[in-house]
Amino acid sequence: MVIRKEKTNQKIESSQVKDPVPQDEDVTGETAAQIPEKIINMILEEFNGGADPCKLAGKYGISTKDIAAWQEERQKAALQSSSNTTSSPSTEKSSSRMTGRYSKEFKEEVLTQTNSGRQCTEVAQQYNIPVSNIYTWRKKAKQAGGRLPEPKSTKPPSNASPINEEHRQLVLDLKNKHITMGPAQIQNHMKRFYAVKISRHMIVRIFNEAGIPLQKTAKKDTTPDPSENRFEMSRPNELWAVDFKDFWIHSEKVYALFILDDYSRFCLGFALTKNPTADLAIETVNAAIQRYGRPERILSDRGPQFHSWNGTSRFSNFLGDFLTEHTVTKARHCFTNGKIEAFNKTVQEDLLDVKEMADMEETKKEISNFLNTYNFFRTHMGIDGLVPADRYFGMVTEARKALLEGLKKSGPGLKWLSGLVSREGPAFRPPTLFQLVIRDKKLELIALGQRFKLGPAE
């Protein structure tokens, strides 16, 4: 029997290795002892290169326990060798290369060791680096004609564009005022409200020079992505989301109820209480309906203020009077109501974690001021850098047109653009007093919260 190693075409004669045995049979001792050192090194190199241990065991007629034992022996030998040569330049370099980037000189030294005939696994253990790095460097050196290419510099090029000092100060002021804003959101905010077009790379440079750390990106989760079920409505008042958020004012636990329009992310109302009840939810939603009109559907969690396990809840009955459908999330599926959960996080990070309120009255005032800024003067990454009021009041086209015209002008400006969607501006939506709707092919009038059947719709 002849066993071949595919990558090197190196033959292993039958006199060296016994015939393959079933993988579930424990073969140790005598079988493992007959395998030459050279073959063991080759097996371990394949294993450290990512080969499956069960497939290796079947390929060479050994046990996976043998592979584990050989790997452990090599690691102990490498540690012993490393401790005996702590004063050598190579070992000193390896300890300094455990973090950060590897220099070209370090890579070349490692490749010199492997090119001299030493096994990659042995060299990787000596220098305390992943063996995959050696394979990558060898590949790059081969592609470059035998020499490693010059590493890419992380420093900005010497001919980098100079930073406008007014823009620098504006970026730092915005970051100081809104500590959770990242480069992308600051870029949108400056374009939207100051008619300043600046790249994200330039903002990152300003952050680095000022010693402001960038927010770390969360590691990618291997679990099923809830965002695959992401949805967004196509118009205002098609879907509202409601939710209670609990937090503390000193030693007192309180609850804030928020109402969010799904399409625009516009916050339509809030309430603050020590006791979250269905009555408060009905009263707050009713006030929002009187002011902004009737929503087609409302989404809530399964809290007792909204949902009843036996029969129909009072909240659902209330919405039925307005011909509004009530949808509840599935149990333990909070991401279904993800937009208002993200909004709650924004309130926490931008307000509650920044300011310390003395009592309920001060908290109500601060939340009200925050919502005014959030709705009218805070760009939102989820709606293409617009503010929620742009979308809710149907001013997207006008805002973008004004923005393009403003960007043609020099220097900060566009203060008049904020009035386009402000509370005093012409886009503010007045309360809805009357609505005509068709339900089950019958025309109904909703006036000041009361339903009146008018007859069949023809």
Protein backbone atom coordinates (compact mmCIF):
# COMPACT_ATOMS: atom_id res chain seq x y z
CA MET A 1 0.00 0.00 0.00
CA VAL A 2 1.22 3.51 -0.83
CA ILE A 3 -0.06 6.58 1.00
CA ARG A 4 0.58 9.92 -0.65
CA LYS A 5 0.66 13.41 0.80
CA GLU A 6 -1.11 15.40 -1.90
CA LYS A 7 0.68 18.74 -1.49
CA THR A 8 4.28 17.38 -1.52
CA ASN A 9 3.75 14.10 -3.41
CA GLN A 10 5.92 12.45 -0.75
CA LYS A 11 5.47 8.66 -0.59
CA ILE A 12 5.14 6.67 2.61
CA GLU A 13 5.88 2.99 2.11
CA SER A 14 3.79 0.22 3.64
CA SER A 15 6.76 -0.84 5.73
CA GLN A 16 6.52 2.46 7.59
CA VAL A 17 2.80 2.54 8.42
CA LYS A 18 0.38 -0.25 9.18
CA ASP A 19 -2.73 -0.79 7.12
CA PRO A 20 -5.51 1.70 7.83
CA VAL A 21 -7.94 0.73 10.55
CA PRO A 22 -11.48 1.87 11.34
CA GLN A 23 -11.54 5.35 12.90
CA ASP A 24 -13.48 4.23 15.96
CA GLU A 25 -10.81 1.64 16.88
CA ASP A 26 -8.30 2.83 19.47
CA VAL A 27 -4.85 2.25 17.98
CA THR A 28 -2.01 3.50 20.16
CA GLY A 29 1.30 2.33 21.50
CA GLU A 30 2.75 -0.17 19.04
CA THR A 31 1.22 1.44 15.90
CA ALA A 32 2.25 4.96 16.85
CA ALA A 33 5.73 3.85 17.81
CA GLN A 34 6.41 2.46 14.33
CA ILE A 35 5.80 5.78 12.55
CA PRO A 36 9.04 7.64 11.80
CA GLU A 37 9.64 11.14 13.19
CA LYS A 38 9.58 12.59 9.69
CA ILE A 39 6.07 11.23 9.06
CA ILE A 40 4.85 12.51 12.45
CA ASN A 41 6.07 15.99 11.59
CA MET A 42 4.26 15.82 8.26
CA ILE A 43 1.02 14.71 9.94
CA LEU A 44 1.24 17.50 12.53
CA GLU A 45 1.93 20.08 9.82
CA GLU A 46 -1.25 19.02 8.01
CA PHE A 47 -3.16 19.08 11.32
CA ASN A 48 -1.95 22.59 12.22
CA GLY A 49 -2.74 23.68 8.68
CA GLY A 50 -6.43 23.01 9.35
CA ALA A 51 -6.83 19.34 8.35
CA ASP A 52 -9.56 17.37 10.11
CA PRO A 53 -8.01 15.02 12.75
CA CYS A 54 -10.47 12.21 12.01
CA LYS A 55 -9.64 12.30 8.30
CA LEU A 56 -5.90 12.33 9.10
CA ALA A 57 -6.37 9.33 11.39
CA GLY A 58 -8.15 7.39 8.66
CA LYS A 59 -5.64 8.47 6.03
CA TYR A 60 -2.56 7.30 7.92
CA GLY A 61 -4.10 4.41 9.86
CA ILE A 62 -3.61 5.91 13.30
CA SER A 63 -5.75 7.14 16.19
CA THR A 64 -6.76 10.72 16.85
CA LYS A 65 -5.32 10.20 20.34
CA ASP A 66 -1.90 9.70 18.73
CA ILE A 67 -2.20 13.08 16.98
CA ALA A 68 -3.19 14.77 20.24
CA ALA A 69 -0.27 13.14 22.09
CA TRP A 70 2.26 14.17 19.42
CA GLN A 71 0.92 17.74 19.40
CA GLU A 72 1.25 17.94 23.18
CA GLU A 73 4.82 16.62 23.04
CA ARG A 74 5.82 19.18 20.42
CA GLN A 75 4.32 22.04 22.45
CA LYS A 76 6.17 20.94 25.60
CA ALA A 77 9.42 20.65 23.65
CA ALA A 78 8.92 24.09 22.10
CA LEU A 79 8.25 25.67 25.52
CA GLN A 80 11.36 24.00 26.92
CA SER A 81 13.43 25.22 23.98
CA SER A 82 12.02 28.72 24.35
CA SER A 83 12.88 28.86 28.05
CA ASN A 84 16.47 27.77 27.33
CA THR A 85 17.02 30.52 24.73
CA THR A 86 15.28 33.53 26.29
CA SER A 87 18.29 35.70 25.63
CA SER A 88 18.39 34.99 21.88
CA PRO A 89 17.28 37.76 19.50
CA SER A 90 14.62 35.52 17.91
CA THR A 91 12.90 34.76 21.21
CA GLU A 92 12.98 38.41 22.28
CA LYS A 93 11.35 39.35 19.01
CA SER A 94 8.66 36.69 19.38
CA SER A 95 7.57 38.03 22.75
CA SER A 96 7.30 41.50 21.30
CA ARG A 97 5.24 40.26 18.36
CA MET A 98 2.34 38.82 20.30
CA THR A 99 0.34 41.96 19.58
CA GLY A 100 0.34 44.58 16.85
CA ARG A 101 1.70 44.41 13.31
CA TYR A 102 4.67 42.29 12.24
CA SER A 103 7.59 44.07 10.64
CA LYS A 104 9.06 42.96 7.32
CA GLU A 105 12.33 42.03 9.04
CA PHE A 106 10.48 39.78 11.49
CA LYS A 107 8.59 38.01 8.68
CA GLU A 108 11.81 37.47 6.72
CA GLU A 109 13.51 35.99 9.78
CA VAL A 110 10.64 33.56 10.27
CA LEU A 111 10.68 32.54 6.60
CA THR A 112 14.46 32.04 6.76
CA GLN A 113 13.90 29.49 9.51
CA THR A 114 11.30 27.57 7.48
CA ASN A 115 13.38 27.73 4.29
CA SER A 116 16.28 26.11 6.15
CA GLY A 117 14.25 22.92 6.46
CA ARG A 118 12.54 23.39 9.82
CA GLN A 119 8.86 22.51 10.16
CA CYS A 120 6.40 25.41 10.11
CA THR A 121 4.74 24.20 13.31
CA GLU A 122 8.07 24.18 15.16
CA VAL A 123 8.94 27.70 13.97
CA ALA A 124 5.46 29.00 14.82
CA GLN A 125 5.77 27.65 18.35
CA GLN A 126 9.23 29.20 18.78
CA TYR A 127 8.06 32.65 17.67
CA ASN A 128 4.66 32.33 19.37
CA ILE A 129 2.67 33.08 16.22
CA PRO A 130 -0.13 31.21 14.41
CA VAL A 131 1.17 28.76 11.84
CA SER A 132 -1.35 30.16 9.36
CA ASN A 133 0.65 33.43 9.35
CA ILE A 134 3.71 31.57 8.04
CA TYR A 135 1.70 29.99 5.23
CA THR A 136 0.32 33.43 4.31
CA TRP A 137 3.77 35.05 4.28
CA ARG A 138 5.22 32.23 2.17
CA LYS A 139 2.41 32.64 -0.35
CA LYS A 140 2.91 36.42 -0.57
CA ALA A 141 6.67 36.00 -0.96
CA LYS A 142 6.15 33.49 -3.76
CA GLN A 143 3.71 35.81 -5.56
CA ALA A 144 6.22 38.69 -5.25
CA GLY A 145 9.04 36.66 -6.80
CA GLY A 146 10.63 35.31 -3.64
CA ARG A 147 10.79 38.52 -1.56
CA LEU A 148 8.16 39.86 0.78
CA PRO A 149 6.51 43.09 -0.42
CA GLU A 150 6.85 46.26 1.62
CA PRO A 151 4.13 46.44 4.33
CA LYS A 152 1.38 49.00 3.96
CA SER A 153 1.83 52.00 6.23
CA THR A 154 -0.89 52.90 8.70
CA LYS A 155 0.28 56.50 8.83
CA PRO A 156 -1.51 59.08 6.71
CA PRO A 157 0.39 59.97 3.53
CA SER A 158 2.66 62.98 3.69
CA ASN A 159 0.60 64.67 0.99
CA ALA A 160 -2.68 64.25 2.96
CA SER A 161 -5.10 67.12 2.59
CA PRO A 162 -4.83 69.70 5.37
CA ILE A 163 -7.70 69.85 7.85
CA ASN A 164 -9.78 73.00 7.87
CA GLU A 165 -9.54 74.35 11.43
CA GLU A 166 -13.16 75.51 11.45
CA HIS A 167 -14.26 72.02 10.42
CA ARG A 168 -12.00 70.49 13.05
CA GLN A 169 -13.54 72.62 15.78
CA LEU A 170 -17.05 71.84 14.53
CA VAL A 171 -16.37 68.09 14.61
CA LEU A 172 -14.96 68.28 18.13
CA ASP A 173 -17.87 70.42 19.35
CA LEU A 174 -20.40 67.95 17.94
CA LYS A 175 -18.56 65.00 19.48
CA ASN A 176 -18.40 66.77 22.83
CA LYS A 177 -22.11 67.54 22.69
CA HIS A 178 -23.17 64.12 21.36
CA ILE A 179 -20.64 61.68 22.78
CA THR A 180 -22.22 58.62 21.14
CA MET A 181 -21.97 60.05 17.61
CA GLY A 182 -19.55 58.25 15.33
CA PRO A 183 -17.79 59.59 12.21
CA ALA A 184 -20.65 58.64 9.87
CA GLN A 185 -23.32 60.36 11.95
CA ILE A 186 -21.21 63.47 12.43
CA GLN A 187 -20.66 63.54 8.67
CA ASN A 188 -24.43 63.45 8.04
CA HIS A 189 -25.11 66.04 10.73
CA MET A 190 -22.57 68.51 9.32
CA LYS A 191 -23.97 68.09 5.82
CA ARG A 192 -27.60 68.40 6.99
CA PHE A 193 -27.33 71.41 9.29
CA TYR A 194 -24.09 73.21 8.35
CA ALA A 195 -23.77 72.58 4.60
CA VAL A 196 -20.28 71.21 5.24
CA LYS A 197 -19.21 68.24 3.13
CA ILE A 198 -16.43 66.34 4.88
CA SER A 199 -15.25 62.75 4.43
CA ARG A 200 -15.43 60.15 7.16
CA HIS A 201 -11.70 59.56 6.75
CA MET A 202 -11.08 63.22 7.60
CA ILE A 203 -13.28 62.94 10.71
CA VAL A 204 -11.37 59.83 11.78
CA ARG A 205 -8.11 61.80 11.39
CA ILE A 206 -9.52 64.56 13.60
CA PHE A 207 -10.54 61.93 16.18
CA ASN A 208 -7.07 60.35 16.14
CA GLU A 209 -5.24 63.67 16.49
CA ALA A 210 -7.50 64.65 19.40
CA GLY A 211 -7.04 61.25 21.08
CA ILE A 212 -10.71 60.32 20.74
CA PRO A 213 -11.11 56.52 20.54
CA LEU A 214 -13.36 55.05 17.88
CA GLN A 215 -16.24 52.85 18.98
CA LYS A 216 -15.40 49.18 18.71
CA THR A 217 -17.37 47.16 16.18
CA ALA A 218 -19.17 44.21 17.67
CA LYS A 219 -17.86 40.80 16.67
CA LYS A 220 -19.90 39.01 14.07
CA ASP A 221 -22.34 36.57 15.63
CA THR A 222 -22.63 33.11 14.09
CA THR A 223 -26.19 32.64 15.32
CA PRO A 224 -29.07 33.24 12.88
CA ASP A 225 -29.30 36.94 12.11
CA PRO A 226 -32.63 38.45 13.27
CA SER A 227 -32.09 41.27 10.75
CA GLU A 228 -33.01 38.81 8.02
CA ASN A 229 -36.57 39.40 9.19
CA ARG A 230 -36.12 43.18 9.17
CA PHE A 231 -39.07 45.16 7.93
CA GLU A 232 -39.88 48.82 7.37
CA MET A 233 -43.15 50.49 6.55
CA SER A 234 -43.64 52.57 3.41
CA ARG A 235 -45.47 55.60 4.83
CA PRO A 236 -46.11 57.47 8.11
CA ASN A 237 -48.78 56.13 10.49
CA GLU A 238 -48.75 52.72 8.83
CA LEU A 239 -47.26 51.19 11.99
CA TRP A 240 -46.54 52.60 15.44
CA ALA A 241 -44.44 50.83 18.06
CA VAL A 242 -45.03 51.29 21.80
CA ASP A 243 -42.85 50.18 24.69
CA PHE A 244 -42.12 50.88 28.35
CA LYS A 245 -38.49 51.56 29.35
CA ASP A 246 -37.51 51.29 33.00
CA PHE A 247 -34.64 53.21 34.61
CA TRP A 248 -33.71 54.76 37.95
CA ILE A 249 -33.86 58.29 39.30
CA HIS A 250 -31.48 57.90 42.21
CA SER A 251 -33.06 55.07 44.27
CA GLU A 252 -36.49 55.35 42.64
CA LYS A 253 -37.44 53.11 39.72
CA VAL A 254 -39.56 54.80 37.04
CA TYR A 255 -40.96 53.88 33.63
CA ALA A 256 -41.09 55.88 30.40
CA LEU A 257 -43.58 54.97 27.68
CA PHE A 258 -42.53 55.91 24.13
CA ILE A 259 -44.47 55.80 20.84
CA LEU A 260 -42.41 55.54 17.66
CA ASP A 261 -43.46 55.70 14.02
CA ASP A 262 -41.84 52.78 12.20
CA TYR A 263 -41.34 54.47 8.81
CA SER A 264 -39.82 57.75 10.01
CA ARG A 265 -38.52 56.89 13.54
CA PHE A 266 -40.42 60.00 14.69
CA CYS A 267 -41.32 59.84 18.40
CA LEU A 268 -45.01 60.71 18.65
CA GLY A 269 -45.33 60.95 22.40
CA PHE A 270 -44.15 59.78 25.80
CA ALA A 271 -45.24 59.47 29.40
CA LEU A 272 -43.31 59.07 32.65
CA THR A 273 -44.69 57.16 35.61
CA LYS A 274 -43.83 55.11 38.66
CA ASN A 275 -46.61 52.63 37.91
CA PRO A 276 -46.97 51.43 34.28
CA THR A 277 -50.61 50.64 33.65
CA ALA A 278 -52.95 49.98 30.75
CA ASP A 279 -54.77 53.24 31.57
CA LEU A 280 -51.55 55.22 31.04
CA ALA A 281 -50.83 53.41 27.76
CA ILE A 282 -54.36 54.12 26.47
CA GLU A 283 -54.22 57.76 27.55
CA THR A 284 -50.81 58.37 25.92
CA VAL A 285 -51.68 56.64 22.64
CA ASN A 286 -55.03 58.46 22.52
CA ALA A 287 -53.25 61.81 22.87
CA ALA A 288 -50.92 60.87 19.99
CA ILE A 289 -53.88 59.86 17.82
CA GLN A 290 -55.65 63.15 18.47
CA ARG A 291 -52.52 65.05 17.51
CA TYR A 292 -51.10 63.05 14.61
CA GLY A 293 -53.98 60.96 13.32
CA ARG A 294 -54.97 57.33 13.50
CA PRO A 295 -52.33 54.60 12.88
CA GLU A 296 -53.24 51.59 10.80
CA ARG A 297 -51.47 49.21 13.18
CA ILE A 298 -49.72 49.31 16.56
CA LEU A 299 -46.98 46.88 17.60
CA SER A 300 -46.26 46.10 21.26
CA ASP A 301 -44.66 43.42 23.39
CA ARG A 302 -46.58 41.02 25.62
CA GLY A 303 -46.52 43.27 28.68
CA PRO A 304 -49.70 43.24 30.81
CA GLN A 305 -50.36 46.88 29.84
CA PHE A 306 -50.90 45.81 26.22
CA HIS A 307 -51.63 42.09 26.12
CA SER A 308 -54.02 39.75 27.91
CA TRP A 309 -53.45 36.01 28.12
CA ASN A 310 -57.18 35.40 28.46
CA GLY A 311 -59.40 37.14 25.94
CA THR A 312 -58.92 40.59 24.47
CA SER A 313 -57.02 43.24 26.40
CA ARG A 314 -58.36 46.68 27.23
CA PHE A 315 -55.62 48.18 25.05
CA SER A 316 -56.76 46.10 22.04
CA ASN A 317 -60.39 47.07 22.64
CA PHE A 318 -59.39 50.74 22.75
CA LEU A 319 -57.56 50.44 19.41
CA GLY A 320 -60.57 48.67 17.94
CA ASP A 321 -62.60 51.85 18.40
CA PHE A 322 -60.21 53.52 15.95
CA LEU A 323 -60.16 50.54 13.57
CA THR A 324 -56.47 50.12 14.43
CA GLU A 325 -55.03 46.62 14.38
CA HIS A 326 -53.04 45.51 17.43
CA THR A 327 -50.04 43.21 16.86
CA VAL A 328 -47.97 41.68 19.66
CA THR A 329 -44.47 40.26 19.37
CA LYS A 330 -43.70 36.59 19.83
CA ALA A 331 -42.51 35.48 23.25
CA ARG A 332 -38.75 36.08 23.71
CA HIS A 333 -38.50 37.75 20.29
CA CYS A 334 -37.64 41.31 21.34
CA PHE A 335 -35.91 42.01 18.00
CA THR A 336 -39.35 42.03 16.33
CA ASN A 337 -39.84 45.39 18.02
CA GLY A 338 -36.20 46.28 17.36
CA LYS A 339 -36.61 49.89 16.22
CA ILE A 340 -38.09 51.08 19.48
CA GLU A 341 -35.59 48.95 21.41
CA ALA A 342 -32.82 50.77 19.52
CA PHE A 343 -34.54 54.07 20.31
CA ASN A 344 -34.60 53.16 24.02
CA LYS A 345 -30.86 52.50 23.84
CA THR A 346 -30.32 55.92 22.27
CA VAL A 347 -32.29 57.58 25.08
CA GLN A 348 -30.19 55.68 27.61
CA GLU A 349 -26.80 56.52 26.09
CA ASP A 350 -27.45 60.10 24.95
CA LEU A 351 -29.54 61.31 27.89
CA LEU A 352 -29.86 59.08 30.95
CA ASP A 353 -26.17 58.13 31.07
CA VAL A 354 -25.09 61.74 30.53
CA LYS A 355 -27.38 63.77 32.78
CA GLU A 356 -28.36 63.15 36.36
CA MET A 357 -31.94 64.20 37.06
CA ALA A 358 -33.11 65.27 40.50
CA ASP A 359 -36.76 64.19 40.33
CA MET A 360 -39.66 63.21 38.07
CA GLU A 361 -40.42 66.79 37.04
CA GLU A 362 -36.89 67.49 35.86
CA THR A 363 -36.75 64.12 34.08
CA LYS A 364 -39.94 64.91 32.13
CA LYS A 365 -38.50 68.24 31.03
CA GLU A 366 -35.18 66.70 29.95
CA ILE A 367 -36.89 63.90 28.01
CA SER A 368 -39.15 66.41 26.27
CA ASN A 369 -36.13 68.50 25.21
CA PHE A 370 -34.31 65.39 24.07
CA LEU A 371 -37.24 64.26 21.92
CA ASN A 372 -37.44 67.68 20.27
CA THR A 373 -33.76 67.38 19.32
CA TYR A 374 -34.14 63.74 18.28
CA ASN A 375 -37.15 64.38 16.04
CA PHE A 376 -36.05 67.59 14.35
CA PHE A 377 -32.29 68.06 14.73
CA ARG A 378 -30.60 64.64 14.94
CA THR A 379 -29.68 62.75 11.79
CA HIS A 380 -30.53 59.06 11.75
CA MET A 381 -28.35 56.43 10.08
CA GLY A 382 -31.32 54.14 9.45
CA ILE A 383 -33.12 56.66 7.23
CA ASP A 384 -30.27 57.76 4.94
CA GLY A 385 -28.93 60.51 7.19
CA LEU A 386 -32.22 62.42 7.39
CA VAL A 387 -33.94 63.52 10.57
CA PRO A 388 -37.15 61.70 11.58
CA ALA A 389 -39.27 64.81 10.93
CA ASP A 390 -38.11 64.88 7.28
CA ARG A 391 -39.77 61.56 6.69
CA TYR A 392 -42.77 61.88 8.97
CA PHE A 393 -43.91 65.22 7.57
CA GLY A 394 -43.23 64.25 3.96
CA MET A 395 -40.40 66.76 3.50
CA VAL A 396 -37.74 64.35 2.15
CA THR A 397 -37.70 65.82 -1.35
CA GLU A 398 -37.69 69.39 -0.11
CA ALA A 399 -34.94 68.71 2.44
CA ARG A 400 -32.66 67.03 -0.09
CA LYS A 401 -33.22 69.76 -2.66
CA ALA A 402 -32.42 72.47 -0.12
CA LEU A 403 -29.41 70.49 1.01
CA LEU A 404 -27.96 70.27 -2.51
CA GLU A 405 -28.48 73.98 -3.03
CA GLY A 406 -26.84 74.75 0.31
CA LEU A 407 -23.81 72.58 -0.41
CA LYS A 408 -23.08 74.70 -3.49
CA LYS A 409 -22.54 77.67 -1.21
CA SER A 410 -19.28 78.16 0.66
CA GLY A 411 -18.91 77.83 4.41
CA PRO A 412 -21.33 76.70 7.10
CA GLY A 413 -24.95 77.68 6.63
CA LEU A 414 -28.34 76.09 6.08
CA LYS A 415 -29.79 77.41 9.29
CA TRP A 416 -32.95 78.13 7.32
CA LEU A 417 -33.18 74.41 6.44
CA SER A 418 -33.82 73.45 10.04
CA GLY A 419 -36.92 75.67 9.99
CA LEU A 420 -38.26 73.57 7.17
CA VAL A 421 -39.23 70.86 9.65
CA SER A 422 -39.18 72.65 13.00
CA ARG A 423 -42.12 72.92 15.36
CA GLU A 424 -42.66 76.47 14.17
CA GLY A 425 -42.21 75.57 10.50
CA PRO A 426 -44.99 75.02 7.93
CA ALA A 427 -44.47 71.26 7.94
CA PHE A 428 -45.79 70.69 11.46
CA ARG A 429 -48.80 68.40 11.27
CA PRO A 430 -51.91 69.77 13.04
CA PRO A 431 -54.22 67.52 15.08
CA THR A 432 -56.57 65.28 13.10
CA LEU A 433 -60.21 65.95 13.92
CA PHE A 434 -62.06 63.91 11.28
CA GLN A 435 -61.25 60.78 9.30
CA LEU A 436 -63.27 58.74 6.81
CA VAL A 437 -62.38 55.05 6.65
CA ILE A 438 -63.81 51.96 4.95
CA ARG A 439 -64.17 48.83 7.08
CA ASP A 440 -65.86 45.68 5.78
CA LYS A 441 -67.08 47.63 2.75
CA LYS A 442 -68.86 50.12 5.02
CA LEU A 443 -68.04 53.80 5.35
CA GLU A 444 -67.33 55.05 8.87
CA LEU A 445 -66.52 58.48 10.25
CA ILE A 446 -64.08 58.94 13.13
CA ALA A 447 -64.57 62.32 14.79
CA LEU A 448 -62.73 63.29 17.97
CA GLY A 449 -62.22 59.64 18.86
CA GLN A 450 -65.81 58.56 18.22
CA ARG A 451 -66.96 56.16 15.45
CA PHE A 452 -70.05 56.75 13.34
CA LYS A 453 -71.31 54.26 10.74
CA LEU A 454 -72.44 55.99 7.57
CA GLY A 455 -73.49 53.00 5.44
CA PRO A 456 -72.20 50.84 2.58
CA ALA A 457 -69.30 52.21 0.56
CA GLU A 458 -70.08 52.31 -3.17
